[in-house]
Amino acid sequence: MSELLAGAKAPAISLKNQDGKTVILKDYAGKKVALFFYPEDMTPTCTIEACNLRDNYDLLQKKGIEVIGVSPDDEKKHEKFIEKHELPFTLLCDTDLKVMNAYGVWGEKNMYGRKYMGVIRTTVLINEDGTIHHVIKKVRSADHAQQILDNWGL
């Protein structure tokens, strides 16, 4: 997939959440959505990012922003992650990587000179009409809620 651009229609999503319920992006029509893609539940940086969003969830909600996380983890792992860290938002299971590929966030990474395929931590801000407002490629995990608010000018 080519790079997502502001103003383009966000790719469709139909994935199961931590409870096994199918979540469709169209269900959020009329709402701003912060769709954050992250590599793995229970890992240090992903936990910092999720907990920052948790700690600022009420503020994000007051600004009309729905928070949805997406990773390749399954329902059980998401459920444990939510329970352990008291996360108030939905986590979606993209075990076959279809949505991540559609959003261009599954790709080659490089750590200590070793190349491998993985989730490129990214947040896509989606407007009420389903178009992309902004793509945050350099996520600051410990300050991510503020990054989201700043990019929406809120």
Protein backbone atom coordinates (compact mmCIF):
# COMPACT_ATOMS: atom_id res chain seq x y z
CA MET A 1 0.00 0.00 0.00
CA SER A 2 1.16 3.49 -0.71
CA GLU A 3 1.55 6.05 2.03
CA LEU A 4 -1.64 7.26 3.70
CA LEU A 5 -2.32 10.92 3.04
CA ALA A 6 -4.39 13.51 4.86
CA GLY A 7 -7.80 13.85 3.23
CA ALA A 8 -7.84 10.29 1.88
CA LYS A 9 -10.53 7.86 2.99
CA ALA A 10 -9.26 5.64 5.83
CA PRO A 11 -9.04 1.96 4.82
CA ALA A 12 -11.94 -0.15 6.09
CA ILE A 13 -11.53 -2.10 9.31
CA SER A 14 -13.40 -5.18 10.46
CA LEU A 15 -11.54 -6.91 13.30
CA LYS A 16 -12.37 -8.73 16.52
CA ASN A 17 -11.70 -6.96 19.80
CA GLN A 18 -10.56 -8.36 23.14
CA ASP A 19 -14.08 -9.73 23.77
CA GLY A 20 -14.38 -11.46 20.39
CA LYS A 21 -16.81 -8.80 19.12
CA THR A 22 -16.33 -7.59 15.55
CA VAL A 23 -15.54 -3.88 15.41
CA ILE A 24 -16.05 -1.98 12.16
CA LEU A 25 -14.55 1.47 11.55
CA LYS A 26 -17.89 2.64 10.09
CA ASP A 27 -19.37 2.16 13.59
CA TYR A 28 -17.38 5.27 14.59
CA ALA A 29 -18.81 7.54 11.86
CA GLY A 30 -19.36 11.00 13.28
CA LYS A 31 -16.51 10.63 15.79
CA LYS A 32 -12.82 11.42 15.72
CA VAL A 33 -10.74 8.24 16.03
CA ALA A 34 -7.14 7.88 17.18
CA LEU A 35 -6.17 4.49 15.74
CA PHE A 36 -2.88 3.48 17.30
CA PHE A 37 -0.88 0.59 15.87
CA TYR A 38 1.62 -0.98 18.23
CA PRO A 39 3.85 -4.08 18.14
CA GLU A 40 2.89 -6.18 21.16
CA ASP A 41 0.94 -6.24 24.42
CA MET A 42 2.93 -6.35 27.67
CA THR A 43 6.16 -4.98 26.18
CA PRO A 44 7.77 -1.92 27.81
CA THR A 45 7.25 0.77 25.17
CA CYS A 46 3.79 -0.46 24.18
CA THR A 47 2.76 -0.46 27.85
CA ILE A 48 4.04 3.11 28.29
CA GLU A 49 2.04 4.23 25.25
CA ALA A 50 -1.16 2.43 26.32
CA CYS A 51 -0.90 3.73 29.89
CA ASN A 52 -0.36 7.31 28.69
CA LEU A 53 -3.54 7.02 26.63
CA ARG A 54 -5.32 5.46 29.63
CA ASP A 55 -4.22 8.27 31.94
CA ASN A 56 -5.50 10.87 29.47
CA TYR A 57 -8.54 8.94 28.25
CA ASP A 58 -11.12 11.20 29.94
CA LEU A 59 -9.54 14.28 28.36
CA LEU A 60 -9.45 12.63 24.92
CA GLN A 61 -13.11 11.62 25.31
CA LYS A 62 -14.06 15.18 26.34
CA LYS A 63 -12.45 16.37 23.11
CA GLY A 64 -14.57 13.85 21.17
CA ILE A 65 -11.76 11.41 20.41
CA GLU A 66 -12.27 7.64 20.45
CA VAL A 67 -9.11 5.62 21.11
CA ILE A 68 -8.63 2.23 19.43
CA GLY A 69 -5.48 0.11 19.57
CA VAL A 70 -4.44 -2.46 16.96
CA SER A 71 -1.73 -5.11 17.25
CA PRO A 72 -1.11 -8.64 15.96
CA ASP A 73 -1.96 -10.07 19.41
CA ASP A 74 -4.94 -12.36 19.96
CA GLU A 75 -8.04 -11.80 22.12
CA LYS A 76 -6.62 -13.53 25.22
CA LYS A 77 -3.45 -11.45 25.22
CA HIS A 78 -5.44 -8.23 24.70
CA GLU A 79 -7.79 -9.19 27.53
CA LYS A 80 -4.84 -9.74 29.91
CA PHE A 81 -3.22 -6.45 28.83
CA ILE A 82 -6.46 -4.54 29.42
CA GLU A 83 -7.03 -6.21 32.77
CA LYS A 84 -3.47 -5.74 34.05
CA HIS A 85 -3.28 -2.04 33.11
CA GLU A 86 -6.98 -1.12 33.44
CA LEU A 87 -7.19 0.12 29.86
CA PRO A 88 -10.56 1.75 29.10
CA PHE A 89 -10.38 1.48 25.30
CA THR A 90 -10.84 -1.24 22.70
CA LEU A 91 -7.92 -3.28 21.40
CA LEU A 92 -8.30 -4.98 18.02
CA CYS A 93 -6.70 -8.26 16.93
CA ASP A 94 -5.02 -8.10 13.52
CA THR A 95 -3.52 -11.58 13.66
CA ASP A 96 -3.43 -11.95 9.86
CA LEU A 97 -1.95 -8.42 9.41
CA LYS A 98 -4.50 -7.42 6.74
CA VAL A 99 -5.39 -4.10 8.35
CA MET A 100 -1.77 -3.31 9.20
CA ASN A 101 -0.81 -3.93 5.59
CA ALA A 102 -3.72 -1.76 4.37
CA TYR A 103 -2.52 1.07 6.63
CA GLY A 104 1.13 0.55 5.66
CA VAL A 105 2.29 -0.06 9.23
CA TRP A 106 3.68 -3.59 8.77
CA GLY A 107 7.15 -3.38 7.32
CA GLU A 108 10.86 -3.82 7.64
CA LYS A 109 12.44 -2.70 10.88
CA ASN A 110 16.06 -2.54 11.95
CA MET A 111 17.31 -3.16 15.48
CA TYR A 112 21.01 -3.31 16.28
CA GLY A 113 21.77 -3.99 12.62
CA ARG A 114 19.30 -6.88 12.40
CA LYS A 115 16.50 -6.45 9.86
CA TYR A 116 13.11 -8.03 10.46
CA MET A 117 9.43 -7.52 9.67
CA GLY A 118 7.20 -5.98 12.31
CA VAL A 119 4.68 -3.34 13.30
CA ILE A 120 5.88 0.20 12.70
CA ARG A 121 4.46 2.14 15.67
CA THR A 122 2.08 4.63 14.06
CA THR A 123 -1.12 6.45 14.97
CA VAL A 124 -3.65 7.40 12.33
CA LEU A 125 -6.03 10.23 13.22
CA ILE A 126 -9.37 9.78 11.47
CA ASN A 127 -11.92 12.58 11.09
CA GLU A 128 -15.64 12.26 11.75
CA ASP A 129 -16.27 11.71 8.02
CA GLY A 130 -13.84 8.77 7.84
CA THR A 131 -11.03 10.68 6.15
CA ILE A 132 -7.48 10.75 7.44
CA HIS A 133 -6.63 13.91 9.36
CA HIS A 134 -2.99 13.11 10.10
CA VAL A 135 -0.58 10.18 10.40
CA ILE A 136 1.76 10.28 13.41
CA LYS A 137 4.87 8.36 12.39
CA LYS A 138 7.17 9.42 15.20
CA VAL A 139 5.10 8.39 18.19
CA ARG A 140 6.25 9.66 21.57
CA SER A 141 4.92 6.85 23.76
CA ALA A 142 5.20 8.67 27.10
CA ASP A 143 3.45 11.79 25.71
CA HIS A 144 1.21 10.30 23.06
CA ALA A 145 -2.13 11.74 24.20
CA GLN A 146 -0.69 15.26 23.94
CA GLN A 147 0.70 14.43 20.51
CA ILE A 148 -2.80 13.40 19.41
CA LEU A 149 -4.39 16.56 20.81
CA ASP A 150 -1.71 18.78 19.28
CA ASN A 151 -2.14 17.23 15.83
CA TRP A 152 -5.87 17.89 15.98
CA GLY A 153 -5.24 21.41 17.30
CA LEU A 154 -7.20 20.72 20.49
